[in-house]
Structures are given as structure tokens and as C-alpha cells.
C-alpha atoms as a PDB file:
ATOM      1  CA  MET A   1      77.313 -90.450 -84.485  1.00  0.00           C
ATOM      2  CA  ALA A   2      78.813 -87.227 -83.253  1.00  0.00           C
ATOM      3  CA  ALA A   3      80.688 -86.250 -86.576  1.00  0.00           C
ATOM      4  CA  LEU A   4      77.077 -86.642 -87.983  1.00  0.00           C
ATOM      5  CA  ARG A   5      75.874 -84.393 -85.677  1.00  0.00           C
ATOM      6  CA  LEU A   6      78.700 -82.009 -85.845  1.00  0.00           C
ATOM      7  CA  ALA A   7      78.341 -81.904 -89.931  1.00  0.00           C
ATOM      8  CA  GLU A   8      74.988 -81.216 -89.469  1.00  0.00           C
ATOM      9  CA  LYS A   9      75.623 -78.053 -86.956  1.00  0.00           C
ATOM     10  CA  THR A  10      78.180 -76.429 -89.118  1.00  0.00           C
ATOM     11  CA  GLY A  11      76.187 -76.906 -92.263  1.00  0.00           C
ATOM     12  CA  ILE A  12      78.631 -79.090 -93.778  1.00  0.00           C
ATOM     13  CA  LEU A  13      76.212 -82.093 -94.173  1.00  0.00           C
ATOM     14  CA  GLY A  14      74.110 -79.747 -96.020  1.00  0.00           C
ATOM     15  CA  ILE A  15      76.959 -79.106 -98.799  1.00  0.00           C
ATOM     16  CA  VAL A  16      77.811 -82.433 -99.253  1.00  0.00           C
ATOM     17  CA  SER A  17      74.227 -84.058 -98.307  1.00  0.00           C
ATOM     18  CA  PRO A  18      71.824 -81.901-100.069  1.00  0.00           C
ATOM     19  CA  ARG A  19      68.142 -82.763 -99.627  1.00  0.00           C
ATOM     20  CA  VAL A  20      66.643 -84.879-102.318  1.00  0.00           C
ATOM     21  CA  GLU A  21      62.664 -85.002-102.928  1.00  0.00           C
ATOM     22  CA  PHE A  22      61.588 -88.600-104.156  1.00  0.00           C
ATOM     23  CA  ALA A  23      58.564 -90.093-104.893  1.00  0.00           C
ATOM     24  CA  GLU A  24      54.969 -89.565-103.584  1.00  0.00           C
ATOM     25  CA  PRO A  25      54.630 -89.597 -99.934  1.00  0.00           C
ATOM     26  CA  VAL A  26      53.034 -92.795 -98.695  1.00  0.00           C
ATOM     27  CA  GLU A  27      50.252 -92.795 -96.243  1.00  0.00           C
ATOM     28  CA  LEU A  28      50.025 -95.185 -93.596  1.00  0.00           C
ATOM     29  CA  MET A  29      48.430 -95.397 -89.908  1.00  0.00           C
ATOM     30  CA  GLY A  30      47.214 -92.182 -90.662  1.00  0.00           C
ATOM     31  CA  LEU A  31      50.642 -90.472 -91.183  1.00  0.00           C
ATOM     32  CA  LYS A  32      52.730 -89.600 -94.062  1.00  0.00           C
ATOM     33  CA  PHE A  33      56.040 -90.808 -94.716  1.00  0.00           C
ATOM     34  CA  PRO A  34      57.898 -88.958 -97.345  1.00  0.00           C
ATOM     35  CA  ASN A  35      59.146 -92.492 -98.256  1.00  0.00           C
ATOM     36  CA  ARG A  36      59.328 -96.089 -97.842  1.00  0.00           C
ATOM     37  CA  ILE A  37      62.983 -96.066 -96.325  1.00  0.00           C
ATOM     38  CA  GLY A  38      63.672 -95.717 -92.606  1.00  0.00           C
ATOM     39  CA  LEU A  39      66.111 -96.031 -89.620  1.00  0.00           C
ATOM     40  CA  ALA A  40      65.510 -99.360 -87.470  1.00  0.00           C
ATOM     41  CA  ALA A  41      65.876 -98.327 -84.040  1.00  0.00           C
ATOM     42  CA  GLY A  42      69.262 -99.486 -82.371  1.00  0.00           C
ATOM     43  CA  LEU A  43      71.455 -96.801 -84.132  1.00  0.00           C
ATOM     44  CA  ASP A  44      70.018 -93.567 -82.715  1.00  0.00           C
ATOM     45  CA  LYS A  45      69.361 -94.741 -78.916  1.00  0.00           C
ATOM     46  CA  GLU A  46      69.325 -91.265 -77.621  1.00  0.00           C
ATOM     47  CA  GLY A  47      67.266 -89.456 -80.140  1.00  0.00           C
ATOM     48  CA  ASN A  48      69.751 -86.935 -80.669  1.00  0.00           C
ATOM     49  CA  THR A  49      70.885 -87.530 -84.324  1.00  0.00           C
ATOM     50  CA  ILE A  50      67.382 -86.960 -85.596  1.00  0.00           C
ATOM     51  CA  ASP A  51      68.264 -83.975 -87.954  1.00  0.00           C
ATOM     52  CA  ALA A  52      71.970 -85.181 -89.395  1.00  0.00           C
ATOM     53  CA  LEU A  53      70.072 -89.105 -90.132  1.00  0.00           C
ATOM     54  CA  GLY A  54      67.297 -87.113 -91.723  1.00  0.00           C
ATOM     55  CA  ARG A  55      69.631 -85.280 -94.100  1.00  0.00           C
ATOM     56  CA  LEU A  56      70.994 -88.660 -95.941  1.00  0.00           C
ATOM     57  CA  GLY A  57      67.440 -89.631 -97.009  1.00  0.00           C
ATOM     58  CA  PHE A  58      65.763 -91.631 -94.834  1.00  0.00           C
ATOM     59  CA  GLY A  59      61.619 -90.652 -94.641  1.00  0.00           C
ATOM     60  CA  SER A  60      61.400 -91.907 -90.933  1.00  0.00           C
ATOM     61  CA  ILE A  61      63.976 -92.842 -88.093  1.00  0.00           C
ATOM     62  CA  GLU A  62      63.153 -94.734 -85.209  1.00  0.00           C
ATOM     63  CA  ILE A  63      64.928 -93.806 -82.315  1.00  0.00           C
ATOM     64  CA  GLY A  64      65.474 -95.854 -78.889  1.00  0.00           C
ATOM     65  CA  THR A  65      65.413 -98.449 -77.523  1.00  0.00           C
ATOM     66  CA  ILE A  66      64.406 -95.948 -74.661  1.00  0.00           C
ATOM     67  CA  THR A  67      63.249 -97.255 -70.994  1.00  0.00           C
ATOM     68  CA  PRO A  68      61.720 -95.263 -68.033  1.00  0.00           C
ATOM     69  CA  ARG A  69      65.246 -94.965 -66.625  1.00  0.00           C
ATOM     70  CA  PRO A  70      68.500 -94.375 -67.570  1.00  0.00           C
ATOM     71  CA  GLN A  71      70.185 -97.187 -68.031  1.00  0.00           C
ATOM     72  CA  ALA A  72      74.209 -98.275 -68.850  1.00  0.00           C
ATOM     73  CA  GLY A  73      73.278-101.284 -70.635  1.00  0.00           C
ATOM     74  CA  ASN A  74      75.789-104.532 -71.178  1.00  0.00           C
ATOM     75  CA  PRO A  75      79.455-104.747 -70.095  1.00  0.00           C
ATOM     76  CA  LYS A  76      81.796-103.873 -73.252  1.00  0.00           C
ATOM     77  CA  PRO A  77      82.798-105.229 -75.495  1.00  0.00           C
ATOM     78  CA  ARG A  78      79.023-105.710 -76.572  1.00  0.00           C
ATOM     79  CA  LEU A  79      79.045-105.514 -80.485  1.00  0.00           C
ATOM     80  CA  PHE A  80      80.962-107.225 -82.736  1.00  0.00           C
ATOM     81  CA  ARG A  81      81.264-107.258 -86.688  1.00  0.00           C
ATOM     82  CA  LEU A  82      81.215-110.109 -89.051  1.00  0.00           C
ATOM     83  CA  ILE A  83      82.407-108.432 -91.905  1.00  0.00           C
ATOM     84  CA  ASP A  84      82.478-111.447 -94.232  1.00  0.00           C
ATOM     85  CA  HIS A  85      79.011-111.742 -93.938  1.00  0.00           C
ATOM     86  CA  GLU A  86      78.116-108.074 -93.676  1.00  0.00           C
ATOM     87  CA  ALA A  87      76.816-109.170 -90.370  1.00  0.00           C
ATOM     88  CA  ILE A  88      76.772-107.545 -86.685  1.00  0.00           C
ATOM     89  CA  ILE A  89      76.004-109.375 -83.238  1.00  0.00           C
ATOM     90  CA  ASN A  90      75.335-106.824 -80.388  1.00  0.00           C
ATOM     91  CA  ARG A  91      74.229-107.515 -76.644  1.00  0.00           C
ATOM     92  CA  MET A  92      74.263-103.375 -75.883  1.00  0.00           C
ATOM     93  CA  GLY A  93      71.360-104.173 -73.507  1.00  0.00           C
ATOM     94  CA  PHE A  94      68.906-100.877 -73.748  1.00  0.00           C
ATOM     95  CA  ASN A  95      71.820 -98.259 -73.279  1.00  0.00           C
ATOM     96  CA  ASN A  96      69.915 -94.972 -73.415  1.00  0.00           C
ATOM     97  CA  PRO A  97      69.712 -91.898 -71.089  1.00  0.00           C
ATOM     98  CA  GLY A  98      66.015 -92.407 -69.948  1.00  0.00           C
ATOM     99  CA  ILE A  99      62.732 -91.508 -71.170  1.00  0.00           C
ATOM    100  CA  ASP A 100      62.719 -87.784 -69.935  1.00  0.00           C
ATOM    101  CA  ALA A 101      66.129 -87.128 -71.948  1.00  0.00           C
ATOM    102  CA  GLY A 102      64.994 -88.837 -75.223  1.00  0.00           C
ATOM    103  CA  VAL A 103      61.890 -86.895 -74.924  1.00  0.00           C
ATOM    104  CA  ALA A 104      63.879 -83.717 -74.867  1.00  0.00           C
ATOM    105  CA  ASN A 105      65.972 -84.664 -77.661  1.00  0.00           C
ATOM    106  CA  VAL A 106      63.156 -85.589 -79.858  1.00  0.00           C
ATOM    107  CA  ARG A 107      61.572 -82.190 -79.134  1.00  0.00           C
ATOM    108  CA  SER A 108      65.046 -80.511 -80.136  1.00  0.00           C
ATOM    109  CA  ALA A 109      64.809 -81.646 -83.471  1.00  0.00           C
ATOM    110  CA  LYS A 110      64.484 -78.806 -85.915  1.00  0.00           C
ATOM    111  CA  SER A 111      65.340 -79.185 -89.583  1.00  0.00           C
ATOM    112  CA  PHE A 112      63.953 -83.251 -90.379  1.00  0.00           C
ATOM    113  CA  ASP A 113      60.305 -83.494 -91.769  1.00  0.00           C
ATOM    114  CA  GLY A 114      59.949 -87.248 -91.913  1.00  0.00           C
ATOM    115  CA  ILE A 115      58.185 -89.407 -89.305  1.00  0.00           C
ATOM    116  CA  VAL A 116      59.872 -89.905 -85.765  1.00  0.00           C
ATOM    117  CA  GLY A 117      59.052 -93.327 -84.374  1.00  0.00           C
ATOM    118  CA  PHE A 118      59.899 -93.927 -80.656  1.00  0.00           C
ATOM    119  CA  ASN A 119      61.240 -97.249 -79.539  1.00  0.00           C
ATOM    120  CA  ILE A 120      60.110 -98.365 -75.572  1.00  0.00           C
ATOM    121  CA  GLY A 121      61.095-101.209 -73.751  1.00  0.00           C
ATOM    122  CA  LYS A 122      60.913-101.668 -70.049  1.00  0.00           C
ATOM    123  CA  ASN A 123      64.427-101.509 -67.584  1.00  0.00           C
ATOM    124  CA  LYS A 124      66.527-104.653 -66.882  1.00  0.00           C
ATOM    125  CA  ASP A 125      65.681-104.688 -63.027  1.00  0.00           C
ATOM    126  CA  THR A 126      62.013-104.260 -63.933  1.00  0.00           C
ATOM    127  CA  SER A 127      60.065-108.004 -63.987  1.00  0.00           C
ATOM    128  CA  ASN A 128      58.084-109.200 -66.278  1.00  0.00           C
ATOM    129  CA  GLU A 129      55.276-108.660 -63.835  1.00  0.00           C
ATOM    130  CA  ASN A 130      55.314-105.182 -63.808  1.00  0.00           C
ATOM    131  CA  ALA A 131      56.833-104.548 -67.634  1.00  0.00           C
ATOM    132  CA  ALA A 132      53.344-103.077 -68.713  1.00  0.00           C
ATOM    133  CA  GLU A 133      53.920 -99.904 -66.020  1.00  0.00           C
ATOM    134  CA  ASP A 134      57.406 -99.222 -67.651  1.00  0.00           C
ATOM    135  CA  TYR A 135      55.722 -99.321 -71.175  1.00  0.00           C
ATOM    136  CA  LEU A 136      52.748 -96.859 -69.646  1.00  0.00           C
ATOM    137  CA  ILE A 137      55.243 -94.404 -68.529  1.00  0.00           C
ATOM    138  CA  CYS A 138      57.133 -94.505 -71.666  1.00  0.00           C
ATOM    139  CA  LEU A 139      53.951 -93.865 -73.720  1.00  0.00           C
ATOM    140  CA  ARG A 140      52.895 -91.281 -71.553  1.00  0.00           C
ATOM    141  CA  LYS A 141      56.084 -89.143 -71.730  1.00  0.00           C
ATOM    142  CA  ALA A 142      56.616 -90.234 -75.709  1.00  0.00           C
ATOM    143  CA  TYR A 143      53.272 -89.641 -77.093  1.00  0.00           C
ATOM    144  CA  SER A 144      53.524 -85.742 -77.137  1.00  0.00           C
ATOM    145  CA  VAL A 145      56.705 -85.737 -79.427  1.00  0.00           C
ATOM    146  CA  ALA A 146      56.355 -89.218 -81.085  1.00  0.00           C
ATOM    147  CA  ASP A 147      54.669 -89.792 -84.987  1.00  0.00           C
ATOM    148  CA  TYR A 148      54.663 -93.306 -83.625  1.00  0.00           C
ATOM    149  CA  ILE A 149      55.317 -95.540 -80.635  1.00  0.00           C
ATOM    150  CA  ALA A 150      56.737 -99.155 -81.077  1.00  0.00           C
ATOM    151  CA  VAL A 151      56.644-101.360 -78.394  1.00  0.00           C
ATOM    152  CA  ASN A 152      60.103-103.609 -78.105  1.00  0.00           C
ATOM    153  CA  LEU A 153      59.098-106.792 -76.855  1.00  0.00           C
ATOM    154  CA  SER A 154      61.935-108.785 -78.843  1.00  0.00           C
ATOM    155  CA  SER A 155      65.418-107.668 -78.066  1.00  0.00           C
ATOM    156  CA  PRO A 156      67.315-110.879 -77.082  1.00  0.00           C
ATOM    157  CA  ASN A 157      69.425-108.723 -74.942  1.00  0.00           C
ATOM    158  CA  THR A 158      67.176-107.980 -71.856  1.00  0.00           C
ATOM    159  CA  PRO A 159      66.588-111.051 -70.050  1.00  0.00           C
ATOM    160  CA  GLY A 160      62.836-112.585 -70.138  1.00  0.00           C
ATOM    161  CA  LEU A 161      61.776-110.050 -72.781  1.00  0.00           C
ATOM    162  CA  ARG A 162      61.067-112.101 -75.382  1.00  0.00           C
ATOM    163  CA  ASP A 163      58.787-113.884 -72.838  1.00  0.00           C
ATOM    164  CA  LEU A 164      56.380-110.994 -73.694  1.00  0.00           C
ATOM    165  CA  GLN A 165      56.102-112.220 -76.972  1.00  0.00           C
ATOM    166  CA  GLY A 166      53.531-115.135 -75.474  1.00  0.00           C
ATOM    167  CA  ALA A 167      49.744-114.751 -77.199  1.00  0.00           C
ATOM    168  CA  GLU A 168      48.796-114.160 -73.481  1.00  0.00           C
ATOM    169  CA  ALA A 169      51.354-112.238 -72.419  1.00  0.00           C
ATOM    170  CA  SER A 170      50.983-110.111 -75.555  1.00  0.00           C
ATOM    171  CA  ALA A 171      47.223-109.737 -75.234  1.00  0.00           C
ATOM    172  CA  ARG A 172      47.500-108.479 -71.755  1.00  0.00           C
ATOM    173  CA  LEU A 173      49.935-105.553 -72.367  1.00  0.00           C
ATOM    174  CA  LEU A 174      48.621-104.729 -75.758  1.00  0.00           C
ATOM    175  CA  ALA A 175      44.801-104.119 -74.336  1.00  0.00           C
ATOM    176  CA  THR A 176      46.623-101.808 -71.283  1.00  0.00           C
ATOM    177  CA  LEU A 177      48.415 -99.414 -74.014  1.00  0.00           C
ATOM    178  CA  LYS A 178      45.319 -99.462 -76.204  1.00  0.00           C
ATOM    179  CA  ARG A 179      43.315 -98.051 -73.400  1.00  0.00           C
ATOM    180  CA  GLU A 180      46.120 -95.570 -72.488  1.00  0.00           C
ATOM    181  CA  GLN A 181      45.999 -95.200 -76.129  1.00  0.00           C
ATOM    182  CA  GLN A 182      42.835 -93.924 -76.381  1.00  0.00           C
ATOM    183  CA  LYS A 183      42.947 -91.602 -72.916  1.00  0.00           C
ATOM    184  CA  LEU A 184      46.096 -89.721 -74.639  1.00  0.00           C
ATOM    185  CA  GLU A 185      44.347 -89.332 -77.910  1.00  0.00           C
ATOM    186  CA  SER A 186      41.535 -87.512 -76.176  1.00  0.00           C
ATOM    187  CA  GLU A 187      43.921 -85.475 -74.307  1.00  0.00           C
ATOM    188  CA  HIS A 188      46.555 -84.525 -76.785  1.00  0.00           C
ATOM    189  CA  GLY A 189      43.826 -84.314 -80.059  1.00  0.00           C
ATOM    190  CA  ARG A 190      45.618 -86.892 -82.130  1.00  0.00           C
ATOM    191  CA  LYS A 191      46.291 -90.518 -82.352  1.00  0.00           C
ATOM    192  CA  VAL A 192      49.699 -91.287 -81.979  1.00  0.00           C
ATOM    193  CA  PRO A 193      49.798 -95.194 -83.847  1.00  0.00           C
ATOM    194  CA  LEU A 194      51.067 -98.078 -81.422  1.00  0.00           C
ATOM    195  CA  LEU A 195      53.185-100.731 -83.133  1.00  0.00           C
ATOM    196  CA  PHE A 196      54.521-104.146 -81.843  1.00  0.00           C
ATOM    197  CA  LYS A 197      58.228-105.401 -82.844  1.00  0.00           C
ATOM    198  CA  VAL A 198      58.729-108.664 -82.494  1.00  0.00           C
ATOM    199  CA  ALA A 199      61.562-111.496 -83.601  1.00  0.00           C
ATOM    200  CA  PRO A 200      62.450-113.746 -86.323  1.00  0.00           C
ATOM    201  CA  ASP A 201      62.506-116.680 -83.966  1.00  0.00           C
ATOM    202  CA  LEU A 202      58.948-117.310 -83.926  1.00  0.00           C
ATOM    203  CA  ASP A 203      57.243-120.847 -85.254  1.00  0.00           C
ATOM    204  CA  GLU A 204      54.069-120.598 -87.225  1.00  0.00           C
ATOM    205  CA  THR A 205      51.954-121.645 -84.272  1.00  0.00           C
ATOM    206  CA  HIS A 206      53.237-118.848 -82.511  1.00  0.00           C
ATOM    207  CA  ILE A 207      53.095-116.371 -84.963  1.00  0.00           C
ATOM    208  CA  ARG A 208      49.254-117.307 -86.122  1.00  0.00           C
ATOM    209  CA  GLU A 209      48.303-116.968 -82.102  1.00  0.00           C
ATOM    210  CA  LEU A 210      49.876-113.105 -82.111  1.00  0.00           C
ATOM    211  CA  SER A 211      48.407-112.503 -85.453  1.00  0.00           C
ATOM    212  CA  ARG A 212      45.023-113.188 -83.532  1.00  0.00           C
ATOM    213  CA  VAL A 213      46.005-110.885 -80.589  1.00  0.00           C
ATOM    214  CA  PHE A 214      47.266-108.213 -82.946  1.00  0.00           C
ATOM    215  CA  LEU A 215      43.988-108.213 -85.080  1.00  0.00           C
ATOM    216  CA  ASP A 216      41.676-108.378 -81.947  1.00  0.00           C
ATOM    217  CA  GLY A 217      43.352-106.129 -79.780  1.00  0.00           C
ATOM    218  CA  GLY A 218      43.573-103.519 -82.457  1.00  0.00           C
ATOM    219  CA  LEU A 219      47.544-103.178 -83.032  1.00  0.00           C
ATOM    220  CA  ASP A 220      48.202-100.135 -85.259  1.00  0.00           C
ATOM    221  CA  GLY A 221      51.169-101.485 -86.731  1.00  0.00           C
ATOM    222  CA  LEU A 222      53.904-104.266 -86.914  1.00  0.00           C
ATOM    223  CA  ILE A 223      57.823-104.098 -87.041  1.00  0.00           C
ATOM    224  CA  ALA A 224      59.072-107.633 -88.818  1.00  0.00           C
ATOM    225  CA  THR A 225      61.710-108.317 -87.478  1.00  0.00           C
ATOM    226  CA  ASN A 226      64.118-107.315 -84.662  1.00  0.00           C
ATOM    227  CA  THR A 227      67.670-109.582 -84.581  1.00  0.00           C
ATOM    228  CA  THR A 228      68.157-113.296 -84.394  1.00  0.00           C
ATOM    229  CA  LEU A 229      69.734-115.807 -81.977  1.00  0.00           C
ATOM    230  CA  ASP A 230      70.139-118.111 -84.589  1.00  0.00           C
ATOM    231  CA  ARG A 231      73.740-118.543 -85.961  1.00  0.00           C
ATOM    232  CA  ASP A 232      73.301-121.269 -88.476  1.00  0.00           C
ATOM    233  CA  GLN A 233      73.909-118.651 -91.382  1.00  0.00           C
ATOM    234  CA  VAL A 234      77.441-117.958 -89.332  1.00  0.00           C
ATOM    235  CA  LEU A 235      78.475-121.096 -88.239  1.00  0.00           C
ATOM    236  CA  GLY A 236      82.583-121.248 -88.104  1.00  0.00           C
ATOM    237  CA  HIS A 237      83.101-117.811 -87.924  1.00  0.00           C
ATOM    238  CA  SER A 238      85.412-116.783 -85.004  1.00  0.00           C
ATOM    239  CA  ARG A 239      82.800-114.205 -83.541  1.00  0.00           C
ATOM    240  CA  ALA A 240      79.691-116.782 -84.173  1.00  0.00           C
ATOM    241  CA  ALA A 241      79.263-117.943 -80.382  1.00  0.00           C
ATOM    242  CA  GLU A 242      79.194-114.261 -79.221  1.00  0.00           C
ATOM    243  CA  ALA A 243      75.948-113.622 -77.215  1.00  0.00           C
ATOM    244  CA  GLY A 244      73.695-111.095 -78.690  1.00  0.00           C
ATOM    245  CA  GLY A 245      71.109-110.476 -81.279  1.00  0.00           C
ATOM    246  CA  LEU A 246      72.531-111.189 -85.131  1.00  0.00           C
ATOM    247  CA  SER A 247      71.616-108.410 -87.853  1.00  0.00           C
ATOM    248  CA  GLY A 248      72.607-108.112 -91.319  1.00  0.00           C
ATOM    249  CA  ARG A 249      72.608-110.281 -94.762  1.00  0.00           C
ATOM    250  CA  PRO A 250      72.423-113.591 -92.402  1.00  0.00           C
ATOM    251  CA  VAL A 251      68.948-112.681 -90.903  1.00  0.00           C
ATOM    252  CA  PHE A 252      67.670-111.364 -94.195  1.00  0.00           C
ATOM    253  CA  VAL A 253      65.803-114.967 -95.202  1.00  0.00           C
ATOM    254  CA  LYS A 254      64.706-116.065 -91.943  1.00  0.00           C
ATOM    255  CA  SER A 255      63.230-112.632 -91.289  1.00  0.00           C
ATOM    256  CA  THR A 256      61.541-112.128 -94.582  1.00  0.00           C
ATOM    257  CA  GLU A 257      60.051-115.620 -93.881  1.00  0.00           C
ATOM    258  CA  THR A 258      58.444-114.128 -90.878  1.00  0.00           C
ATOM    259  CA  LEU A 259      57.305-111.194 -92.300  1.00  0.00           C
ATOM    260  CA  LYS A 260      55.643-113.171 -94.989  1.00  0.00           C
ATOM    261  CA  ALA A 261      53.698-115.524 -92.557  1.00  0.00           C
ATOM    262  CA  PHE A 262      52.648-112.464 -90.176  1.00  0.00           C
ATOM    263  CA  SER A 263      51.233-110.850 -93.532  1.00  0.00           C
ATOM    264  CA  SER A 264      49.621-113.909 -94.911  1.00  0.00           C
ATOM    265  CA  HIS A 265      47.569-113.838 -91.092  1.00  0.00           C
ATOM    266  CA  LEU A 266      47.181-110.224 -90.948  1.00  0.00           C
ATOM    267  CA  GLY A 267      46.256-109.219 -94.888  1.00  0.00           C
ATOM    268  CA  THR A 268      45.807-105.404 -95.009  1.00  0.00           C
ATOM    269  CA  GLN A 269      44.504-104.938 -91.615  1.00  0.00           C
ATOM    270  CA  ILE A 270      47.486-104.150 -89.602  1.00  0.00           C
ATOM    271  CA  PRO A 271      50.202-102.844 -91.810  1.00  0.00           C
ATOM    272  CA  ILE A 272      53.726-104.342 -91.259  1.00  0.00           C
ATOM    273  CA  ILE A 273      57.183-102.284 -91.626  1.00  0.00           C
ATOM    274  CA  GLY A 274      59.844-105.122 -92.824  1.00  0.00           C
ATOM    275  CA  VAL A 275      63.261-104.929 -91.317  1.00  0.00           C
ATOM    276  CA  GLY A 276      65.929-107.434 -91.027  1.00  0.00           C
ATOM    277  CA  GLY A 277      69.061-108.228 -93.628  1.00  0.00           C
ATOM    278  CA  ILE A 278      68.304-105.513 -96.335  1.00  0.00           C
ATOM    279  CA  SER A 279      71.157-104.578 -98.118  1.00  0.00           C
ATOM    280  CA  SER A 280      70.000-103.915-101.698  1.00  0.00           C
ATOM    281  CA  VAL A 281      67.255-102.272-103.883  1.00  0.00           C
ATOM    282  CA  GLU A 282      66.299-105.804-104.744  1.00  0.00           C
ATOM    283  CA  ASP A 283      66.123-107.104-100.821  1.00  0.00           C
ATOM    284  CA  ALA A 284      63.532-104.054-100.083  1.00  0.00           C
ATOM    285  CA  GLN A 285      61.597-105.208-102.910  1.00  0.00           C
ATOM    286  CA  VAL A 286      61.137-108.135-102.193  1.00  0.00           C
ATOM    287  CA  LYS A 287      60.253-107.344 -98.080  1.00  0.00           C
ATOM    288  CA  ILE A 288      57.965-105.221-100.183  1.00  0.00           C
ATOM    289  CA  GLN A 289      56.252-108.375-102.166  1.00  0.00           C
ATOM    290  CA  ALA A 290      56.154-110.344 -98.898  1.00  0.00           C
ATOM    291  CA  GLY A 291      53.839-107.796 -97.235  1.00  0.00           C
ATOM    292  CA  ALA A 292      55.466-104.880 -95.866  1.00  0.00           C
ATOM    293  CA  SER A 293      54.723-101.362 -96.384  1.00  0.00           C
ATOM    294  CA  LEU A 294      57.864 -99.744 -95.373  1.00  0.00           C
ATOM    295  CA  VAL A 295      61.286-100.780 -95.014  1.00  0.00           C
ATOM    296  CA  GLN A 296      63.833-100.187 -92.237  1.00  0.00           C
ATOM    297  CA  ILE A 297      67.759-100.479 -92.417  1.00  0.00           C
ATOM    298  CA  TYR A 298      70.386-100.493 -89.908  1.00  0.00           C
ATOM    299  CA  THR A 299      73.293-103.089 -90.679  1.00  0.00           C
ATOM    300  CA  SER A 300      73.570-102.366 -94.159  1.00  0.00           C
ATOM    301  CA  PHE A 301      73.780 -98.543 -93.342  1.00  0.00           C
ATOM    302  CA  ILE A 302      76.953 -99.038 -91.404  1.00  0.00           C
ATOM    303  CA  TYR A 303      78.454-101.428 -94.142  1.00  0.00           C
ATOM    304  CA  GLN A 304      77.156 -99.042 -97.192  1.00  0.00           C
ATOM    305  CA  GLY A 305      76.508 -95.810 -95.833  1.00  0.00           C
ATOM    306  CA  PRO A 306      74.097 -93.225 -97.360  1.00  0.00           C
ATOM    307  CA  GLN A 307      73.822 -93.985-100.807  1.00  0.00           C
ATOM    308  CA  LEU A 308      71.932 -97.392 -99.700  1.00  0.00           C
ATOM    309  CA  VAL A 309      69.161 -94.928 -98.387  1.00  0.00           C
ATOM    310  CA  ARG A 310      68.598 -92.925-101.311  1.00  0.00           C
ATOM    311  CA  GLU A 311      69.226 -95.959-103.862  1.00  0.00           C
ATOM    312  CA  ILE A 312      65.995 -97.526-102.020  1.00  0.00           C
ATOM    313  CA  ALA A 313      64.134 -94.559-101.618  1.00  0.00           C
ATOM    314  CA  ARG A 314      64.516 -93.732-105.441  1.00  0.00           C
ATOM    315  CA  ALA A 315      63.567 -97.869-106.257  1.00  0.00           C
ATOM    316  CA  ILE A 316      60.465 -98.214-103.937  1.00  0.00           C
END
């Protein structure tokens, strides 16, 4: 990441990776995305590499997760590559510089003309009972610089966070954030869409209940999905027992099934960003066919590099 920033600052990145125009922009949630491929949250955790990553072809970049206060994250080692499976297990724990630094970093981006998503979360030591206040702090501060704001309810690395995915808890949080969103829209003169990011480890009943919550509550968009706790696809690997969320190829089927299930309930009323295990153009097309309007990658970008970004951008 530091090398990317340096290459962008010195102009080298512009020489080796000139900007490429893709197909017609995609209009979604009142926003114009230059193409359908985005970078998932978790790589540019601080929002300080937006220009460089944008140079590589991403139409959107989701930064974070950012919390109200700076957070060191979990003890190292906390990230493991399962190379044979083109997968990663991470238990980073929302390491980030805090909302004020995150906002300043996004504001300092100069050349990226795509969409910047701002992924927000609660601090580890904030109880679930007080989680809404953490999300409100981040929503208020990020509103002026974000194109959309994604509420992370599904990281497996913050104790108890996934409990906020319960239907009642999600409904309360969504109602609180939507009220604030309306106030901020009036103050700033523009609407910043509000999205929730969910886990792939949900059963059909849970998906149906959450879909009703999202429809009734007026959610603007859904990101499906985060990493998984399931290890069935990597059994026998020496790293399989590591705590944390599994991403990459092994999560593709489960993530896509979750996406398809949500799409069957949400229809065209709430757009979905499909993420989880995309490692080829064909995978991206499967996500679109399953109901996604846009897609994001992370792990395959680590393994395959920028060429994959451009291939997907051209193909879909």
C-alpha cells in the first residue's frame, strides 16, 4: 500500500497503469459509478490510498472499517494466506485511525473520480446497547465526504457485532440511522445512501426476516457478503483453525447463495453489491445473474493483481 501511494505521488503509477475508459457508467442509488467493479472494504482501512487504487481501474473504493475512536486492532499475527485455496483468514479487528483521520484522508484524495464508500463500525469496547451512538458519530462525520456509507454489522472479529444482525436489533439501528440521514440530507443538500453489510452465515429464515426489516426501514442498498466463519471448504489446511473471517474462493458459493436469497426477497427495491470469492470474470457474471447490480473484490486482487480489475470492468 505504501508502494502504491509512492508510485502515485511520483507519477510512476500513471505511466505503468494509464487510465482506461470502460463502458457506460452505471447509475445506482442516485450515484453514477464509472464501472461495476469496486474494491471491498478492509484493504484501504485508513482511506489514504484512494487515488492510487483508483488508477488501477476500480469504479468505486470502499474504505474502512472506520470507528469513532482510533483502534489498534487485534494482536499480531492476525492475517493468514491459504495460498492453495486463493483465500485469506483475517482477524484484524477494525484497526483504523478513527473517524476524524479517515475523513481527512478521504478529503485529501485528489485524482479519483469514482465513487468512495465509507464503511463504518463500532469500537470494540462499545457495548451493543450503545452501538447506535458509535454509528451515528461516524455517519455525521463521514456524510460530507462519502458518496455512500456502509454500516458494518457482520465482521466476525468484533465480539458480539453480528448480534446486531438480529431482526429487532437491525430494525432499531436502521430506524435511528435513517432519521439521522434525513436530517443530514436537509443540512447538506444531498442524500448519501445508507447501506448495510451482512454475513454469509445466515439461514433462510434470518434472510427473510432481515429483508422485511430492510424493505420496511427504507434501506438504500445492501452489501452481500462479508467473510465467513465456515471452514468446510478449507478443511485439512494447516491454517483452517485460525480464528477470523475466511475470504476468497472458498466463500464464493455460500456468499452467492446468500446474495441470491436476499435478491429473491428484495427484488428491485433495494440494490445489492455482490462481494465474496469473485476471482474471475465468470464469477462476477454469476454474481450479477444472482441479483447483484455491482460487485466488489478484495482477496482475488491480492492474489491476481490489477489486471483482474480491468478484465471485470470491461466484461460487465
